[in-house]
Amino acid sequence: MPSHSDYGFLKKVFIKSPEAAFINQEHIDKQWEELNYSSRPELDKAIEEYKQFESLLSIHGAELLYFSENDSVSIDSLYCRDATIVTDHGVILCQMGKAQRIPESSACQADYESYGIPVLGEIKSPGTIEGGDVAWVDQHTLAVAHGYRTNDDGFAQLKNIIEPFNINLIQVELPHFKGPSDVFHLMSIFSPVDQYKAVVYSPLMPVRFRNELIERGYSLIEVSEEEYDTMGCNVLAIAPSECIMVSGNPVTKARLEAAGCIIHEYDGEHISRKGEGGPTCLTRPLLRI
C-alpha cells in the first residue's frame, strides 16, 4: 500500500517551502487578509519554523521533494496537500473549492511531470474537491467529505476515476460550522495515525461516519475543545503511531502518548496557525510503506 495509507512509514513526500509559496513579505502583505488568514505571517519567522518542520520529516527517513515557485498561485500553496490526491495508480488533480486556489493543481502537475509521476485523472468544474477533504480509512476505503470545498459532482468524478481499482468511497457530510469562508476540511476532524487509530474532534463529526469508524474497530483519540482551534486535530503520522503535531496542544499530546504514540512537535505560529494549515496540510505524501 505505497499510497493508500495516511499512517504508514513516510518515505517520500512533496512539500513547498515558504520561500517558494510566500516569495517575499510584500507578496504576503497583499494576500493574507483576502485569503482569510487570522493574522499576517512574517516570512523570516515562517522560514525558521519550516526548517524545524523539514528536519522532523527528513531525520525520520522521508525523502523530500519540492513543489516549485509559480506565479499563478497564492501563498495558500504552502498547504500543498489540497491540490492533488495520490494513489498507487497515479495522481489525481483536484478542482479546488476555494477560488483563489484553483491554479494550484496545474502548477503541481508540472512538478509531477518533471519527476516522471503519472497523472491518473482530473476533477473538472463544476466538480470541486480538495485534498484535505480526503483520507484513507483503510487500503481499499477512501473517506471523502461533502462540504463547502468538496461537492457531489467532485465526489462522483473521483468515484468514477478510482472505483475501477477496487477502491470504495465513503461520503462524509460536514457541518456548516463557520461557513463557506472557513478552512474546514475532513482532516480538520479526522487524522489517522495507525491502522485502527485516529485523532478526532467528535463535536463536529457526523454520527454515521463516527459510528462506522468504531464498527471498523477504530480507537478514537479525542481532541479537547480548548485545543481544537490550536490545531490539536491536525496530526501527521510519519510512521504507525509516530506523529508530528503543532506545539501548544499538551492535552492532545498526552492522550496520543497514552494511546502508545510517539510525538514530535514544531513551532507553527506562522506556517500553520495563521493560515490554519497543520502538518497534514503542509505535506503531500507520495510513498508510504
Protein backbone atom coordinates (compact mmCIF):
# COMPACT_ATOMS: atom_id res chain seq x y z
CA MET A 1 0.00 0.00 0.00
CA PRO A 2 2.54 2.64 -1.08
CA SER A 3 -0.04 5.43 -1.36
CA HIS A 4 -3.27 4.07 0.12
CA SER A 5 -2.48 4.96 3.72
CA ASP A 6 -2.28 8.01 5.95
CA TYR A 7 -0.26 6.25 8.67
CA GLY A 8 2.44 4.07 7.05
CA PHE A 9 6.17 4.82 7.18
CA LEU A 10 6.58 8.06 5.25
CA LYS A 11 9.33 7.51 2.67
CA LYS A 12 8.72 10.18 0.04
CA VAL A 13 6.78 13.41 0.39
CA PHE A 14 6.22 16.62 -1.55
CA ILE A 15 6.40 19.88 0.35
CA LYS A 16 6.54 23.55 -0.61
CA SER A 17 8.85 25.92 1.22
CA PRO A 18 7.79 29.37 2.47
CA GLU A 19 10.34 30.89 0.08
CA ALA A 20 8.53 29.25 -2.85
CA ALA A 21 4.97 29.83 -1.57
CA PHE A 22 5.25 33.18 0.22
CA ILE A 23 8.02 34.52 -2.09
CA ASN A 24 8.54 37.74 -0.12
CA GLN A 25 6.89 39.80 2.62
CA GLU A 26 5.26 42.13 0.10
CA HIS A 27 3.55 39.13 -1.51
CA ILE A 28 2.24 38.02 1.90
CA ASP A 29 1.04 41.52 2.77
CA LYS A 30 -1.05 41.71 -0.41
CA GLN A 31 -2.81 38.39 0.12
CA TRP A 32 -3.20 37.29 3.72
CA GLU A 33 -6.40 39.21 4.52
CA GLU A 34 -8.17 38.24 1.29
CA LEU A 35 -7.29 34.59 1.94
CA ASN A 36 -8.77 34.77 5.47
CA TYR A 37 -5.58 34.24 7.47
CA SER A 38 -6.12 35.01 11.14
CA SER A 39 -3.20 37.46 11.10
CA ARG A 40 -0.20 38.41 8.97
CA PRO A 41 2.55 35.79 8.64
CA GLU A 42 6.13 37.03 8.85
CA LEU A 43 8.37 35.47 6.23
CA ASP A 44 11.57 35.28 8.28
CA LYS A 45 9.78 33.57 11.17
CA ALA A 46 7.96 31.25 8.76
CA ILE A 47 11.29 30.17 7.27
CA GLU A 48 12.72 29.37 10.70
CA GLU A 49 9.64 27.36 11.70
CA TYR A 50 9.71 25.49 8.40
CA LYS A 51 13.34 24.46 8.87
CA GLN A 52 12.30 22.76 12.10
CA PHE A 53 9.40 21.05 10.33
CA GLU A 54 11.58 19.89 7.41
CA SER A 55 14.10 18.48 9.84
CA LEU A 56 11.44 16.40 11.58
CA LEU A 57 10.48 14.89 8.24
CA SER A 58 13.98 14.21 6.95
CA ILE A 59 15.60 12.85 10.13
CA HIS A 60 12.85 10.25 10.34
CA GLY A 61 13.63 8.93 6.88
CA ALA A 62 11.44 10.82 4.44
CA GLU A 63 12.86 11.88 1.09
CA LEU A 64 11.76 15.48 0.50
CA LEU A 65 10.59 16.58 -2.95
CA TYR A 66 9.79 20.23 -3.52
CA PHE A 67 6.99 21.95 -5.38
CA SER A 68 8.43 24.93 -7.21
CA GLU A 69 7.63 28.63 -7.10
CA ASN A 70 4.87 29.54 -9.53
CA ASP A 71 3.49 32.99 -10.28
CA SER A 72 -0.04 31.68 -10.87
CA VAL A 73 -0.67 30.55 -7.29
CA SER A 74 -1.24 32.26 -3.95
CA ILE A 75 0.50 31.98 -0.58
CA ASP A 76 -2.02 29.23 0.23
CA SER A 77 0.05 26.93 -1.98
CA LEU A 78 2.18 26.32 1.13
CA TYR A 79 -0.60 23.89 2.09
CA CYS A 80 0.22 21.52 -0.72
CA ARG A 81 -1.93 18.54 0.29
CA ASP A 82 -5.05 20.19 -1.08
CA ALA A 83 -4.21 20.42 -4.78
CA THR A 84 -3.90 16.69 -5.54
CA ILE A 85 -4.81 13.19 -4.38
CA VAL A 86 -2.17 10.44 -4.59
CA THR A 87 -3.00 6.83 -5.40
CA ASP A 88 -0.90 3.78 -6.29
CA HIS A 89 -2.06 4.27 -9.87
CA GLY A 90 -1.15 7.93 -10.29
CA VAL A 91 -2.02 11.41 -9.13
CA ILE A 92 -5.49 12.93 -9.34
CA LEU A 93 -5.59 16.68 -9.94
CA CYS A 94 -8.16 18.42 -7.76
CA GLN A 95 -10.52 21.22 -8.68
CA MET A 96 -10.19 23.46 -5.65
CA GLY A 97 -13.29 24.73 -3.86
CA LYS A 98 -11.56 27.97 -2.80
CA ALA A 99 -11.49 30.13 -5.94
CA GLN A 100 -8.08 31.70 -5.26
CA ARG A 101 -6.52 28.22 -5.17
CA ILE A 102 -7.80 26.85 -8.49
CA PRO A 103 -4.44 27.30 -10.33
CA GLU A 104 -2.55 25.13 -7.82
CA SER A 105 -3.37 21.77 -9.39
CA SER A 106 -1.91 22.74 -12.76
CA ALA A 107 1.19 24.13 -11.06
CA CYS A 108 1.65 20.84 -9.20
CA GLN A 109 1.12 18.86 -12.41
CA ALA A 110 4.21 20.45 -13.95
CA ASP A 111 6.29 19.36 -10.97
CA TYR A 112 4.88 15.83 -11.02
CA GLU A 113 5.71 15.54 -14.70
CA SER A 114 9.27 16.70 -14.07
CA TYR A 115 9.66 13.78 -11.63
CA GLY A 116 8.02 11.32 -14.04
CA ILE A 117 4.97 10.81 -11.82
CA PRO A 118 1.87 9.88 -13.86
CA VAL A 119 -1.46 11.69 -13.67
CA LEU A 120 -4.38 9.28 -13.34
CA GLY A 121 -7.20 11.79 -13.70
CA GLU A 122 -8.54 15.26 -13.08
CA ILE A 123 -11.58 16.68 -11.31
CA LYS A 124 -13.24 19.24 -13.57
CA SER A 125 -15.68 22.08 -12.91
CA PRO A 126 -18.44 22.18 -11.75
CA GLY A 127 -16.98 19.45 -9.56
CA THR A 128 -14.82 20.54 -6.63
CA ILE A 129 -12.60 18.56 -4.32
CA GLU A 130 -9.65 19.41 -2.08
CA GLY A 131 -7.04 17.02 -0.72
CA GLY A 132 -7.74 17.98 2.88
CA ASP A 133 -11.22 16.55 2.41
CA VAL A 134 -9.86 13.09 1.56
CA ALA A 135 -8.39 10.49 3.94
CA TRP A 136 -7.72 6.75 3.77
CA VAL A 137 -9.78 4.67 6.20
CA ASP A 138 -8.03 1.52 5.02
CA GLN A 139 -6.16 0.33 1.92
CA HIS A 140 -9.35 -0.01 -0.11
CA THR A 141 -11.55 2.68 1.50
CA LEU A 142 -11.30 6.41 0.98
CA ALA A 143 -13.35 8.86 3.05
CA VAL A 144 -14.34 11.97 1.09
CA ALA A 145 -16.12 14.97 2.56
CA HIS A 146 -19.20 16.71 1.28
CA GLY A 147 -18.83 20.32 2.37
CA TYR A 148 -18.00 23.79 1.15
CA ARG A 149 -14.73 22.69 -0.51
CA THR A 150 -15.86 19.35 -1.96
CA ASN A 151 -19.21 18.88 -3.69
CA ASP A 152 -21.30 15.98 -5.00
CA ASP A 153 -20.05 16.39 -8.56
CA GLY A 154 -16.43 16.20 -7.41
CA PHE A 155 -17.24 13.09 -5.38
CA ALA A 156 -18.91 11.45 -8.39
CA GLN A 157 -15.94 12.22 -10.65
CA LEU A 158 -13.46 10.86 -8.12
CA LYS A 159 -15.58 7.73 -7.73
CA ASN A 160 -15.52 7.13 -11.50
CA ILE A 161 -11.74 7.53 -11.57
CA ILE A 162 -10.75 5.23 -8.71
CA GLU A 163 -13.53 2.68 -8.16
CA PRO A 164 -12.21 0.54 -11.08
CA PHE A 165 -9.10 -0.01 -8.91
CA ASN A 166 -11.12 -1.70 -6.15
CA ILE A 167 -11.28 1.44 -4.01
CA ASN A 168 -14.53 2.20 -2.21
CA LEU A 169 -15.57 5.75 -1.31
CA ILE A 170 -17.41 6.85 1.81
CA GLN A 171 -19.07 10.26 1.58
CA VAL A 172 -18.82 12.19 4.85
CA GLU A 173 -21.27 15.05 5.38
CA LEU A 174 -19.57 18.01 7.04
CA PRO A 175 -21.43 20.56 9.18
CA HIS A 176 -21.85 24.22 8.29
CA PHE A 177 -19.68 25.20 11.29
CA LYS A 178 -18.14 28.63 10.48
CA GLY A 179 -19.43 28.78 6.92
CA PRO A 180 -18.01 28.83 3.37
CA SER A 181 -15.08 31.16 4.08
CA ASP A 182 -13.60 28.97 6.82
CA VAL A 183 -10.78 26.48 6.29
CA PHE A 184 -12.72 23.38 7.33
CA HIS A 185 -11.86 20.00 5.85
CA LEU A 186 -12.50 16.38 6.73
CA MET A 187 -8.97 16.25 8.14
CA SER A 188 -9.89 19.10 10.48
CA ILE A 189 -11.77 16.45 12.46
CA PHE A 190 -10.16 13.13 11.43
CA SER A 191 -6.43 12.30 11.31
CA PRO A 192 -5.47 8.61 11.04
CA VAL A 193 -2.30 7.77 13.00
CA ASP A 194 -2.27 3.96 12.78
CA GLN A 195 -4.19 1.14 11.15
CA TYR A 196 -7.15 1.41 13.53
CA LYS A 197 -6.32 4.57 15.43
CA ALA A 198 -7.24 8.19 14.67
CA VAL A 199 -7.27 11.62 16.26
CA VAL A 200 -10.78 13.06 16.08
CA TYR A 201 -12.83 16.04 17.18
CA SER A 202 -16.15 14.38 17.91
CA PRO A 203 -18.31 17.52 18.43
CA LEU A 204 -18.06 18.20 14.68
CA MET A 205 -18.06 14.59 13.47
CA PRO A 206 -21.06 13.21 11.58
CA VAL A 207 -22.62 10.44 13.67
CA ARG A 208 -22.77 7.99 10.76
CA PHE A 209 -19.06 8.35 9.98
CA ARG A 210 -18.00 8.20 13.63
CA ASN A 211 -20.06 5.06 14.17
CA GLU A 212 -18.62 3.45 11.06
CA LEU A 213 -15.09 4.01 12.32
CA ILE A 214 -15.99 2.39 15.63
CA GLU A 215 -17.64 -0.54 13.82
CA ARG A 216 -14.42 -1.00 11.82
CA GLY A 217 -12.50 -1.30 15.08
CA TYR A 218 -11.01 2.19 15.28
CA SER A 219 -9.78 3.60 18.56
CA LEU A 220 -10.64 7.32 18.62
CA ILE A 221 -8.30 9.75 20.39
CA GLU A 222 -10.34 12.79 21.30
CA VAL A 223 -9.12 16.36 20.92
CA SER A 224 -10.21 18.63 23.75
CA GLU A 225 -12.47 21.60 22.99
CA GLU A 226 -9.73 24.00 24.10
CA GLU A 227 -7.23 22.56 21.61
CA TYR A 228 -9.37 22.30 18.51
CA ASP A 229 -8.66 25.90 17.47
CA THR A 230 -4.93 25.43 18.12
CA MET A 231 -4.85 22.59 15.56
CA GLY A 232 -4.85 19.71 18.01
CA CYS A 233 -6.67 17.52 15.48
CA ASN A 234 -4.24 18.17 12.62
CA VAL A 235 -1.71 15.40 13.23
CA LEU A 236 0.62 13.89 10.63
CA ALA A 237 1.65 10.26 11.01
CA ILE A 238 5.21 9.68 9.79
CA ALA A 239 5.06 6.02 10.84
CA PRO A 240 2.45 3.87 12.59
CA SER A 241 1.74 5.60 15.93
CA GLU A 242 4.54 8.14 15.39
CA CYS A 243 3.34 11.64 14.67
CA ILE A 244 4.18 15.29 14.09
CA MET A 245 1.92 17.98 15.54
CA VAL A 246 1.94 21.71 16.19
CA SER A 247 3.30 22.56 19.64
CA GLY A 248 0.96 24.00 22.24
CA ASN A 249 -1.55 21.15 22.46
CA PRO A 250 -0.49 19.37 25.67
CA VAL A 251 -3.79 17.61 26.38
CA THR A 252 -4.00 16.06 22.91
CA LYS A 253 -0.31 15.19 23.03
CA ALA A 254 -0.79 13.41 26.37
CA ARG A 255 -3.77 11.49 25.03
CA LEU A 256 -1.78 10.39 21.99
CA GLU A 257 1.09 9.25 24.19
CA ALA A 258 -1.33 7.37 26.43
CA ALA A 259 -2.56 5.60 23.29
CA GLY A 260 1.00 4.45 22.54
CA CYS A 261 2.08 7.19 20.12
CA ILE A 262 5.46 8.90 19.83
CA ILE A 263 5.03 12.65 19.31
CA HIS A 264 7.29 15.24 17.69
CA GLU A 265 6.37 18.93 17.83
CA TYR A 266 7.24 22.03 15.84
CA ASP A 267 6.52 25.72 16.34
CA GLY A 268 3.87 26.60 13.77
CA GLU A 269 2.60 30.09 14.50
CA HIS A 270 3.49 31.49 11.07
CA ILE A 271 3.35 28.40 8.87
CA SER A 272 0.35 26.70 10.47
CA ARG A 273 -1.89 28.62 12.85
CA LYS A 274 -2.20 31.89 10.93
CA GLY A 275 -3.26 30.10 7.75
CA GLU A 276 -5.00 27.23 9.58
CA GLY A 277 -2.84 24.57 7.93
CA GLY A 278 -1.17 21.99 10.15
CA PRO A 279 1.37 19.29 9.31
CA THR A 280 -1.03 17.22 7.18
CA CYS A 281 -1.80 20.35 5.12
CA LEU A 282 1.91 21.15 4.69
CA THR A 283 2.66 17.78 3.08
CA ARG A 284 1.59 15.76 0.04
CA PRO A 285 2.73 12.22 0.91
CA LEU A 286 3.81 10.28 -2.16
CA LEU A 287 5.14 6.99 -0.80
CA ARG A 288 4.39 5.13 2.42
CA ILE A 289 5.33 1.54 3.25
